[in-house]
Protein backbone atom coordinates (compact mmCIF):
# COMPACT_ATOMS: atom_id res chain seq x y z
CA MET A 1 2.98 22.87 24.12
CA ILE A 2 6.82 24.18 23.75
CA SER A 3 8.54 25.52 20.56
CA LEU A 4 11.08 23.09 19.60
CA SER A 5 12.01 25.27 16.86
CA GLN A 6 14.38 27.24 19.22
CA SER A 7 17.59 25.98 18.37
CA ALA A 8 18.68 26.22 21.83
CA LEU A 9 18.36 22.64 22.08
CA VAL A 10 19.62 21.68 18.41
CA GLY A 11 23.53 21.46 18.57
CA GLN A 12 23.82 20.43 21.74
CA MET A 13 21.48 17.02 21.50
CA SER A 14 22.77 16.87 18.05
CA ALA A 15 26.44 16.34 19.99
CA MET A 16 25.11 14.40 22.82
CA CYS A 17 23.25 11.61 21.15
CA MET A 18 23.85 11.17 17.55
CA ASP A 19 26.86 10.57 15.46
CA LYS A 20 26.40 12.89 12.43
CA PRO A 21 22.78 12.67 12.19
CA ARG A 22 21.31 12.44 8.64
CA ILE A 23 17.46 12.94 7.64
CA ASN A 24 15.94 11.12 4.41
CA GLY A 25 12.64 12.02 4.54
CA PRO A 26 10.89 11.22 7.96
CA VAL A 27 7.50 10.21 6.97
CA HIS A 28 4.85 13.00 6.72
CA PRO A 29 2.33 12.77 9.20
CA ALA A 30 -0.57 13.43 7.12
CA GLY A 31 0.22 10.79 4.69
CA LEU A 32 0.46 8.56 7.43
CA MET A 33 -2.49 9.34 8.78
CA VAL A 34 -4.15 8.60 5.30
CA ALA A 35 -2.43 5.39 4.64
CA PHE A 36 -3.42 4.09 8.29
CA TRP A 37 -7.09 4.64 7.68
CA LEU A 38 -7.14 3.56 4.27
CA PHE A 39 -5.35 0.32 5.80
CA ILE A 40 -8.25 -0.12 8.10
CA CYS A 41 -10.83 0.42 5.67
CA VAL A 42 -9.08 -2.66 3.51
CA VAL A 43 -9.01 -4.81 6.49
CA TYR A 44 -13.16 -3.93 6.85
CA PHE A 45 -13.94 -4.68 3.31
CA TRP A 46 -11.70 -7.75 2.68
CA GLY A 47 -10.90 -8.90 6.04
CA PRO A 48 -11.95 -12.20 7.76
CA ILE A 49 -14.98 -10.98 9.59
CA HIS A 50 -18.18 -8.84 8.88
CA LEU A 51 -19.18 -6.04 10.61
CA THR A 52 -22.85 -4.67 11.76
CA PRO A 53 -24.32 -2.03 10.78
CA GLU A 54 -22.79 -1.58 7.51
CA VAL A 55 -20.70 2.10 7.38
CA SER A 56 -22.77 4.30 5.21
CA PHE A 57 -21.72 7.07 2.67
CA SER A 58 -22.44 9.78 5.11
CA THR A 59 -20.47 8.08 7.88
CA TYR A 60 -17.55 7.94 5.26
CA LEU A 61 -18.08 11.20 4.34
CA PHE A 62 -17.71 12.59 8.30
CA LEU A 63 -14.36 10.24 8.82
CA ALA A 64 -13.28 11.83 5.78
CA LEU A 65 -13.55 15.27 6.59
CA HIS A 66 -12.06 15.31 9.87
CA ILE A 67 -9.04 13.91 8.25
CA VAL A 68 -9.05 16.48 5.58
CA PHE A 69 -8.74 18.96 8.39
CA TYR A 70 -6.32 16.92 10.07
CA ILE A 71 -4.29 17.53 6.62
CA LEU A 72 -4.96 20.62 6.51
CA GLY A 73 -3.81 21.30 9.98
CA SER A 74 -0.14 19.80 9.32
CA THR A 75 0.21 21.13 5.89
CA VAL A 76 -1.67 24.10 5.09
CA PHE A 77 -2.14 25.59 8.54
CA LEU A 78 1.41 24.92 9.42
CA GLN A 79 2.83 26.89 6.54
CA ILE A 80 0.73 29.86 7.56
CA SER A 81 1.79 29.92 11.11
CA PHE A 82 5.24 28.48 11.04
CA PHE A 83 6.83 31.02 8.34
CA ARG A 84 5.97 33.88 10.18
CA LYS A 85 8.26 33.21 12.86
CA SER A 86 12.08 32.75 11.30
CA ALA A 87 13.85 30.11 13.47
CA SER A 88 16.91 32.13 15.45
CA LYS A 89 20.32 31.13 15.68
CA ALA A 90 20.92 30.98 19.38
CA SER A 91 24.67 31.36 20.55
CA TYR A 92 24.21 28.78 23.47
CA LEU A 93 24.05 25.54 21.05
CA SER A 94 25.81 23.22 23.04
CA TYR A 95 25.87 24.23 26.88
CA LEU A 96 24.17 21.17 28.29
CA PRO A 97 26.54 18.83 29.53
CA LEU A 98 26.12 15.53 28.60
CA HIS A 99 25.66 13.61 32.10
CA HIS A 100 22.37 16.36 32.50
CA VAL A 101 20.47 14.74 30.02
CA HIS A 102 21.84 11.23 30.83
CA ASN A 103 20.44 11.92 34.41
CA LEU A 104 17.01 13.31 33.17
CA ILE A 105 16.60 9.76 31.42
CA PHE A 106 17.30 8.26 34.41
CA VAL A 107 15.17 10.34 36.55
CA VAL A 108 12.25 9.58 34.25
CA LEU A 109 12.74 5.75 34.24
CA PHE A 110 13.26 5.95 37.87
CA ILE A 111 9.82 7.83 38.22
CA GLY A 112 8.25 5.15 35.79
CA VAL A 113 9.52 2.00 37.15
CA ALA A 114 8.44 3.36 40.94
CA GLY A 115 4.90 4.37 39.51
CA GLY A 116 4.48 0.95 37.86
CA VAL A 117 5.86 -0.70 40.99
CA ILE A 118 3.01 0.79 43.05
CA SER A 119 0.29 0.60 40.50
CA ILE A 120 0.74 -3.23 40.40
CA PHE A 121 1.19 -3.56 44.29
CA CYS A 122 -2.50 -1.40 44.85
CA LYS A 123 -4.04 -3.47 42.08
CA LEU A 124 -3.08 -6.68 43.35
CA SER A 125 -3.76 -5.74 47.08
CA SER A 126 -7.58 -5.27 45.55
CA LEU A 127 -7.93 -9.08 44.94
CA GLU A 128 -8.51 -11.63 47.50
CA VAL A 129 -7.10 -14.62 45.31
CA ILE A 130 -4.48 -13.67 42.49
CA ASN A 131 -5.04 -15.13 39.46
CA PHE A 132 -6.68 -14.05 36.17
CA SER A 133 -9.94 -14.78 36.73
CA SER A 134 -10.07 -12.85 39.86
CA ILE A 135 -8.40 -10.09 37.56
CA ALA A 136 -11.56 -10.27 35.13
CA GLN A 137 -14.13 -10.08 37.87
CA LEU A 138 -12.48 -7.04 39.31
CA ARG A 139 -11.99 -5.25 35.75
CA THR A 140 -15.92 -5.92 35.03
CA LEU A 141 -16.74 -4.55 38.59
CA ARG A 142 -14.91 -1.52 38.24
CA ALA A 143 -16.11 -0.78 34.49
CA GLN A 144 -19.71 -1.01 36.04
CA VAL A 145 -18.90 1.52 38.76
CA LEU A 146 -17.44 4.12 36.31
CA LEU A 147 -20.63 3.25 33.73
CA ASP A 148 -22.75 4.45 36.86
CA GLY A 149 -20.72 7.48 37.34
CA GLY A 150 -18.96 6.61 40.47
CA GLY A 151 -15.51 6.47 41.62
CA LEU A 152 -13.04 3.60 42.34
CA GLN A 153 -12.23 4.81 45.77
CA SER A 154 -8.61 3.90 45.02
CA GLY A 155 -6.78 6.09 47.48
CA TYR A 156 -3.95 8.21 46.70
CA MET A 157 -1.28 5.59 46.38
CA SER A 158 -3.23 4.88 43.24
CA ALA A 159 -3.36 8.36 42.36
CA ILE A 160 -0.01 8.83 42.27
CA ALA A 161 0.95 5.57 40.54
CA PHE A 162 -1.62 6.80 37.45
CA LEU A 163 0.61 10.18 37.35
CA THR A 164 3.99 8.74 37.22
CA TYR A 165 4.27 5.24 35.66
CA PRO A 166 3.90 6.82 32.07
CA ALA A 167 7.14 8.80 32.75
CA GLY A 168 8.80 5.61 32.05
CA PHE A 169 7.49 5.42 28.56
CA VAL A 170 9.65 8.81 27.72
CA GLY A 171 12.51 7.05 29.40
CA ILE A 172 12.19 4.10 26.97
CA VAL A 173 11.84 6.20 24.10
CA ALA A 174 15.05 8.34 24.74
CA THR A 175 17.16 5.15 25.67
CA ILE A 176 16.37 3.91 22.38
CA ILE A 177 17.29 6.59 20.53
CA CYS A 178 20.52 7.05 22.74
CA TYR A 179 21.50 3.62 23.97
CA GLU A 180 24.68 3.75 23.07
CA LYS A 181 25.85 6.93 24.96
CA ILE A 182 23.52 6.43 28.10
CA PRO A 183 25.13 4.95 31.17
CA LEU A 184 24.47 1.10 32.26
CA ILE A 185 22.09 2.18 35.22
CA SER A 186 19.54 3.79 32.51
CA ARG A 187 19.96 0.83 30.59
CA ILE A 188 18.98 -1.29 33.15
CA MET A 189 16.08 0.70 34.66
CA SER A 190 14.78 0.75 30.75
CA PHE A 191 14.61 -3.44 30.86
CA LEU A 192 12.80 -2.62 34.25
CA PHE A 193 10.42 -0.85 32.95
CA LEU A 194 9.73 -3.26 30.05
CA ILE A 195 9.33 -5.65 32.14
CA ILE A 196 7.25 -3.95 34.44
CA ILE A 197 4.60 -2.81 32.02
CA VAL A 198 4.12 -6.35 30.98
CA PHE A 199 3.13 -7.24 34.74
CA LEU A 200 0.95 -3.84 35.18
CA ALA A 201 -0.96 -5.27 32.12
CA LEU A 202 -1.27 -8.49 33.45
CA CYS A 203 -2.66 -7.28 36.89
CA ALA A 204 -4.98 -4.54 34.91
CA GLY A 205 -6.53 -7.70 32.98
CA GLY A 206 -5.86 -5.67 29.72
CA ARG A 207 -3.11 -5.31 26.99
CA SER A 208 -3.18 -1.55 26.40
CA PRO A 209 0.19 -0.84 28.12
CA ILE A 210 2.13 -3.58 26.67
CA MET A 211 0.81 -2.33 22.87
CA VAL A 212 1.50 1.54 23.64
CA LEU A 213 5.10 -0.02 24.92
CA PHE A 214 5.28 -1.90 21.25
CA LEU A 215 4.32 1.46 19.57
CA PHE A 216 6.90 3.59 21.36
CA ILE A 217 9.70 0.81 20.47
CA GLY A 218 8.77 0.74 17.17
CA THR A 219 8.77 4.78 16.18
CA SER A 220 11.91 4.81 18.45
CA CYS A 221 13.53 2.22 16.33
CA TYR A 222 12.14 4.07 12.97
CA VAL A 223 13.73 7.40 14.64
CA ARG A 224 17.13 5.82 15.04
CA LYS A 225 17.46 4.91 11.44
CA LYS A 226 16.14 8.36 9.88
CA ILE A 227 19.28 9.95 12.09
CA GLY A 228 21.84 7.34 10.76
CA LYS A 229 21.75 4.93 13.36
CA THR A 230 20.74 1.14 12.87
CA TYR A 231 16.95 0.25 13.34
CA THR A 232 17.68 -1.18 17.03
CA PRO A 233 20.76 -0.87 19.35
CA LYS A 234 23.18 -3.47 18.85
CA SER A 235 22.41 -5.27 22.22
CA VAL A 236 21.55 -8.52 22.17
CA PRO A 237 19.93 -8.70 25.67
CA LEU A 238 17.69 -5.80 24.59
CA ARG A 239 16.73 -7.54 21.31
CA LEU A 240 16.01 -10.46 23.13
CA THR A 241 14.12 -9.12 25.63
CA VAL A 242 11.92 -6.89 23.08
CA VAL A 243 11.43 -10.12 20.87
CA SER A 244 10.45 -12.25 24.13
CA LEU A 245 7.91 -9.52 25.19
CA MET A 246 6.41 -9.54 21.49
CA ILE A 247 6.09 -13.68 21.78
CA LEU A 248 4.36 -13.53 25.22
CA PHE A 249 2.15 -10.26 23.92
CA VAL A 250 0.71 -12.58 20.74
CA ILE A 251 -0.13 -15.44 23.38
CA TYR A 252 -1.48 -13.34 26.00
CA SER A 253 -3.93 -11.64 23.45
CA SER A 254 -5.10 -14.82 22.65
CA PHE A 255 -5.41 -16.58 26.39
CA ILE A 256 -7.17 -13.20 27.44
CA TRP A 257 -10.20 -13.48 25.44
CA VAL A 258 -10.65 -16.91 26.82
CA ILE A 259 -10.46 -15.63 30.36
CA ARG A 260 -13.14 -13.24 29.27
CA SER A 261 -15.44 -15.81 27.67
CA LYS A 262 -14.93 -18.16 30.62
CA GLU A 263 -15.54 -15.64 33.47
CA ALA A 264 -18.94 -15.05 31.59
CA GLY A 265 -19.45 -18.16 31.25
CA LEU A 266 -19.62 -18.80 27.46
CA SER A 267 -18.24 -21.69 25.12
CA SER A 268 -16.07 -20.84 22.22
CA ASP A 269 -19.20 -21.27 20.05
CA ALA A 270 -21.14 -19.06 22.22
CA MET A 271 -18.72 -16.24 22.64
CA ILE A 272 -18.87 -16.18 18.48
CA ASN A 273 -22.89 -15.91 18.73
CA HIS A 274 -22.30 -13.35 21.47
CA ALA A 275 -20.13 -11.47 19.00
CA GLU A 276 -22.69 -11.22 16.55
CA HIS A 277 -25.77 -10.26 18.47
CA VAL A 278 -23.81 -7.67 20.87
CA TRP A 279 -20.60 -6.78 18.94
CA GLY A 280 -22.16 -7.22 15.61
CA ALA A 281 -19.28 -8.65 14.36
CA HIS A 282 -19.57 -12.54 12.85
CA PRO A 283 -17.03 -14.69 11.04
CA LYS A 284 -17.28 -14.83 7.19
CA ASP A 285 -16.96 -18.28 4.98
CA GLY A 286 -13.43 -18.11 4.37
CA LEU A 287 -12.23 -18.19 8.32
CA LEU A 288 -15.03 -20.80 9.38
CA ALA A 289 -13.34 -23.12 6.58
CA MET A 290 -9.81 -22.49 7.48
CA SER A 291 -10.75 -23.20 11.27
CA GLU A 292 -12.24 -26.20 10.23
CA PHE A 293 -9.74 -27.52 8.06
CA LEU A 294 -6.96 -26.56 10.83
CA ASN A 295 -9.26 -28.41 13.17
CA LYS A 296 -8.57 -25.01 15.46
CA PRO A 297 -12.05 -24.19 16.49
CA GLY A 298 -10.43 -21.25 18.74
CA LEU A 299 -8.72 -19.86 15.66
CA THR A 300 -12.18 -18.56 15.14
CA GLN A 301 -12.66 -16.43 17.96
CA THR A 302 -8.97 -15.48 18.15
CA VAL A 303 -9.15 -14.02 14.77
CA LEU A 304 -12.66 -12.47 15.39
CA SER A 305 -11.75 -10.77 18.22
CA SER A 306 -8.36 -9.38 16.95
CA THR A 307 -9.34 -8.35 13.92
CA PHE A 308 -12.66 -6.32 15.33
CA TYR A 309 -10.36 -4.70 18.08
CA PHE A 310 -8.68 -2.99 15.23
CA ILE A 311 -11.51 -2.19 12.85
CA GLN A 312 -14.80 -1.71 15.09
CA ASN A 313 -14.24 2.16 15.04
CA LEU A 314 -16.06 2.15 11.41
CA SER A 315 -19.38 0.32 12.60
CA ILE A 316 -19.23 1.76 16.19
CA SER A 317 -19.58 5.53 14.37
CA GLU A 318 -21.95 4.19 12.24
CA ARG A 319 -23.93 3.35 15.38
CA LEU A 320 -23.53 6.65 16.80
CA LEU A 321 -24.38 9.13 13.84
CA SER A 322 -27.42 7.16 13.34
CA SER A 323 -28.48 6.93 16.66
CA THR A 324 -31.49 8.52 17.58
CA GLU A 325 -29.80 9.26 21.22
CA ASP A 326 -29.53 12.42 22.56
CA ILE A 327 -25.73 12.61 23.22
CA PRO A 328 -24.50 15.61 25.19
CA ALA A 329 -21.03 16.70 24.33
CA MET A 330 -19.02 14.97 27.26
CA TYR A 331 -16.15 17.74 27.22
CA GLY A 332 -12.90 15.32 27.19
CA ALA A 333 -14.34 12.77 29.75
CA TYR A 334 -15.21 10.01 27.45
CA GLN A 335 -11.95 9.58 26.05
CA ILE A 336 -9.31 11.40 28.73
CA ASP A 337 -9.63 9.27 32.20
CA LEU A 338 -7.84 11.96 34.20
CA PHE A 339 -10.98 14.51 32.81
CA ALA A 340 -13.29 11.84 33.92
CA ALA A 341 -11.76 11.50 37.36
CA VAL A 342 -11.97 15.30 37.94
CA LEU A 343 -15.53 15.84 37.08
CA ARG A 344 -16.14 12.60 39.59
CA ALA A 345 -14.87 14.76 42.47
CA ILE A 346 -17.02 18.09 41.59
CA PRO A 347 -20.54 17.92 42.83
CA GLY A 348 -22.86 16.99 39.94
CA GLY A 349 -19.99 15.29 37.98
CA GLY A 350 -20.89 11.93 38.53
CA GLU A 351 -24.37 12.32 37.57
CA PHE A 352 -23.34 14.40 34.17
CA LEU A 353 -21.30 11.32 33.32
CA LYS A 354 -23.78 8.56 34.35
CA GLN A 355 -26.35 10.22 32.16
CA GLY A 356 -23.51 10.58 28.96
CA TYR A 357 -22.16 6.89 29.42
CA GLY A 358 -26.19 6.03 29.66
CA LYS A 359 -26.92 7.44 26.36
CA LEU A 360 -23.63 5.95 24.83
CA LEU A 361 -25.01 2.66 26.03
CA ASN A 362 -28.57 2.97 24.81
CA ALA A 363 -26.78 3.66 21.44
CA ASN A 364 -24.74 0.38 21.82
CA VAL A 365 -21.26 2.85 21.69
CA TYR A 366 -20.12 2.56 25.22
CA GLY A 367 -17.41 0.03 25.73
CA PHE A 368 -16.54 0.16 22.27
CA PHE A 369 -13.76 1.86 20.30
CA THR A 370 -15.35 5.03 18.55
CA GLY A 371 -12.06 5.77 17.15
CA ALA A 372 -10.22 9.17 17.22
CA TRP A 373 -12.83 11.31 15.20
CA THR A 374 -16.12 9.95 16.64
CA GLY A 375 -14.50 10.08 19.79
CA LEU A 376 -13.63 14.02 19.61
CA TYR A 377 -17.07 14.21 18.13
CA ILE A 378 -18.76 12.91 21.14
CA ASP A 379 -16.50 15.25 23.51
CA LEU A 380 -16.63 18.24 21.83
CA GLY A 381 -19.26 18.09 19.17
CA PHE A 382 -18.71 19.62 15.56
CA PHE A 383 -15.76 21.39 17.57
CA SER A 384 -13.71 18.08 16.82
CA LEU A 385 -12.84 19.21 13.32
CA LEU A 386 -10.88 22.30 14.82
CA ALA A 387 -9.69 19.57 17.42
CA ALA A 388 -8.66 17.44 14.32
CA LEU A 389 -7.11 20.82 13.09
CA ILE A 390 -4.71 21.50 15.76
CA TRP A 391 -3.72 17.91 16.22
CA GLY A 392 -2.70 18.10 12.51
CA TYR A 393 -0.97 21.22 13.02
CA PHE A 394 1.28 19.91 15.93
CA SER A 395 2.14 16.71 14.10
CA GLY A 396 3.14 18.64 11.18
CA LYS A 397 5.31 20.69 13.40
CA SER A 398 7.03 18.13 15.02
CA TRP A 399 7.81 16.83 11.43
CA LEU A 400 9.37 19.78 10.10
CA ASN A 401 10.98 20.34 13.39
CA PHE A 402 12.59 16.81 13.07
CA LYS A 403 13.35 17.04 9.43
CA ARG A 404 15.30 20.40 9.99
CA ASN A 405 17.05 19.85 13.12
CA PRO A 406 17.66 16.04 13.39
CA THR A 407 18.40 15.90 17.63
CA VAL A 408 17.00 13.55 20.06
CA LEU A 409 14.38 16.19 21.57
CA SER A 410 13.00 16.95 18.21
CA GLY A 411 13.00 13.11 17.22
CA ILE A 412 11.15 12.48 21.05
CA THR A 413 8.23 14.76 19.93
CA TYR A 414 7.93 13.52 16.68
CA ILE A 415 7.56 10.06 18.16
CA PHE A 416 4.63 10.87 19.95
CA TRP A 417 2.85 12.47 17.68
CA ILE A 418 3.65 9.80 15.28
CA TYR A 419 2.41 7.24 17.82
CA SER A 420 -0.99 9.38 18.41
CA ILE A 421 -1.72 8.23 14.63
CA PHE A 422 -1.03 4.69 15.44
CA ILE A 423 -3.85 4.99 18.35
CA SER A 424 -6.31 6.82 16.02
CA PHE A 425 -8.26 3.42 15.57
CA VAL A 426 -9.21 3.55 19.09
CA SER A 427 -9.19 7.63 20.09
CA SER A 428 -7.75 10.85 19.73
CA PRO A 429 -3.99 11.57 21.07
CA PHE A 430 -4.49 11.77 24.86
CA GLY A 431 -7.48 9.00 25.14
CA PHE A 432 -5.85 5.26 24.81
CA SER A 433 -4.15 4.05 28.04
CA ASN A 434 -3.38 7.09 30.06
CA SER A 435 -1.73 9.18 26.93
CA LEU A 436 -2.67 12.31 28.30
CA MET A 437 -0.28 11.58 31.30
CA ILE A 438 2.24 10.28 28.50
CA PHE A 439 2.12 13.95 26.61
CA LEU A 440 2.59 15.40 29.73
CA TRP A 441 5.63 13.65 31.05
CA PHE A 442 6.91 14.20 27.01
CA ILE A 443 6.57 17.73 27.66
CA PHE A 444 8.47 17.76 31.11
CA PHE A 445 11.39 16.14 29.58
CA SER A 446 11.60 18.60 26.68
CA LEU A 447 10.94 21.42 29.11
CA ALA A 448 13.79 20.17 31.63
CA CYS A 449 16.09 20.11 28.56
CA LEU A 450 15.47 23.70 27.27
CA LEU A 451 15.60 25.17 30.82
CA PHE A 452 19.11 23.29 31.73
CA THR A 453 20.52 24.72 28.05
CA ARG A 454 19.40 28.22 29.11
CA TYR A 455 20.39 28.09 32.99
CA LYS A 456 23.85 26.98 31.34
CA ALA A 457 24.22 29.61 28.41
CA ILE A 458 23.31 32.41 31.19
CA HIS A 459 25.73 31.09 33.56
CA LYS A 460 28.75 31.13 30.96
CA GLY A 461 27.40 34.22 29.36
CA SER A 462 27.91 35.45 32.89
CA ALA A 463 31.25 34.13 33.74
C-alpha cells in the first residue's frame, strides 16, 4: 500500500475538496474495534435469541488475543515504524489541477456503473424465468457447485464485471466527500451507481452489496463531518435517494428470508425449527411473547434471522475451535473469492477446495459467518495473529495520516480501514462481498492521484 504520509498529495487535495479542513479527533481504529466487538457480545448475551453451542472461555480468549494483536499493530507497532521516517515537506503540494481529480472520480464511477450493468446482464441471462424464486434457486445451485470445488463457468463478461464494479464504491466515497465541488456529470454517475448496486444485489439474491454501499456512505459522511463539513451534502435528491434505499433495504431484508423459506418448502414455524436444529439459534421467550402480543408471527423469524446474521460468528467460532476435524489452512481461499477462483483454475486446486470445504461442512461451519478472526485462522492457522497485527498497523497508519493531514485522499484511505472494522463480524478486510477488489480500486485511486501530482511537479520544475 502506498504511504499516504508523503506530503505530495496533502496540500493540493486540501485545496481541492476541503474548505479549511479541521480535524477534531477522528475515532481511533483500536477503540472502534474494541467497541464493535463488545457490542456483538452484548447482543449475544442480552439479545432476543439464544445460540448454541455456547461460547466457551477459550473461544473468548482466542478472539480477544486477535483483537489485542490488532490493537498492538495500530498503536505500539505503528509508533515504532512510523516515526523512523520523518514526513518530508514536498515542494509540489498543489500542482495537480482540480479537473484531474474530478476526471478520476468520474472514471471510477463510470467503470463501476459499466461493471455493474454487465454483472446484472450476466446474472439475468442465466435465468430462464426472471423472479425472486428463480434467483434463489440459482443461488443455491451455485453454492453447491462451489462447495464441490467446481467453477461456475461464468464467462469473460462475468469476470470483467467482478473485477470492475467495485470501482464505483471508491467513486461514491470521493463523491460524498467532495460533493460540492464535483461536476454534475459525476453526481449523476454516483446516483446511477447507487441504483445499480441495489439491482445487482436483487439479481444475486443477497444483500451484501447494499450493506457495503451503506457502510461506505456512512463512513464517508463521518469523514465529511471531521473535516468541518456537514454530515451529508446539502442535496435533497441525494438525501431522498439514500433514505429511500435504506427503507427498501429493510423491507428487502425481511422479504428475502420469506423467499428462502418458501424455496426450501418451510413455513414460518418450520423455518424457526430449522434455525434451531441447523443454525443453532432459537428465539427467547421475550421475542415469542412480543410476536404473539402484536399478532405478528412472522416477526419472530425476521428478528431471529437478522440477529443471527450479526452475532453468529461467536457460536460458529466455538464450533470450529471445538471441532475434531483436521481442517487444513485454506491460504486465503476461504474468505477471498478471487483467491478461490484462481485455485479452481489450477490443476488440483478444485480438489483442495473441495476437501477443505468438506471439513468445514462436517464441522457445521461452512456457509456461516465465522467473523474476521476465525476466518483468518481458517486461512492462515496461527499466522492469523500476524495478520491481525498487520491489519491493525495499516488501520492505525490511515488514522494517523488523516489526523495529521485531513485531505480527501487520507480520508478515503481511512474510510476503507474503518469499513474493514464494520465488516469484521463477517470476515477480514478482503473477504466480504468482493472487498479485495474494492481495496485494489482504492489503491488505484490513490496511486493515480500520486502519479498525477508528481507528473505535474516534474513538468513545472523543468519549465
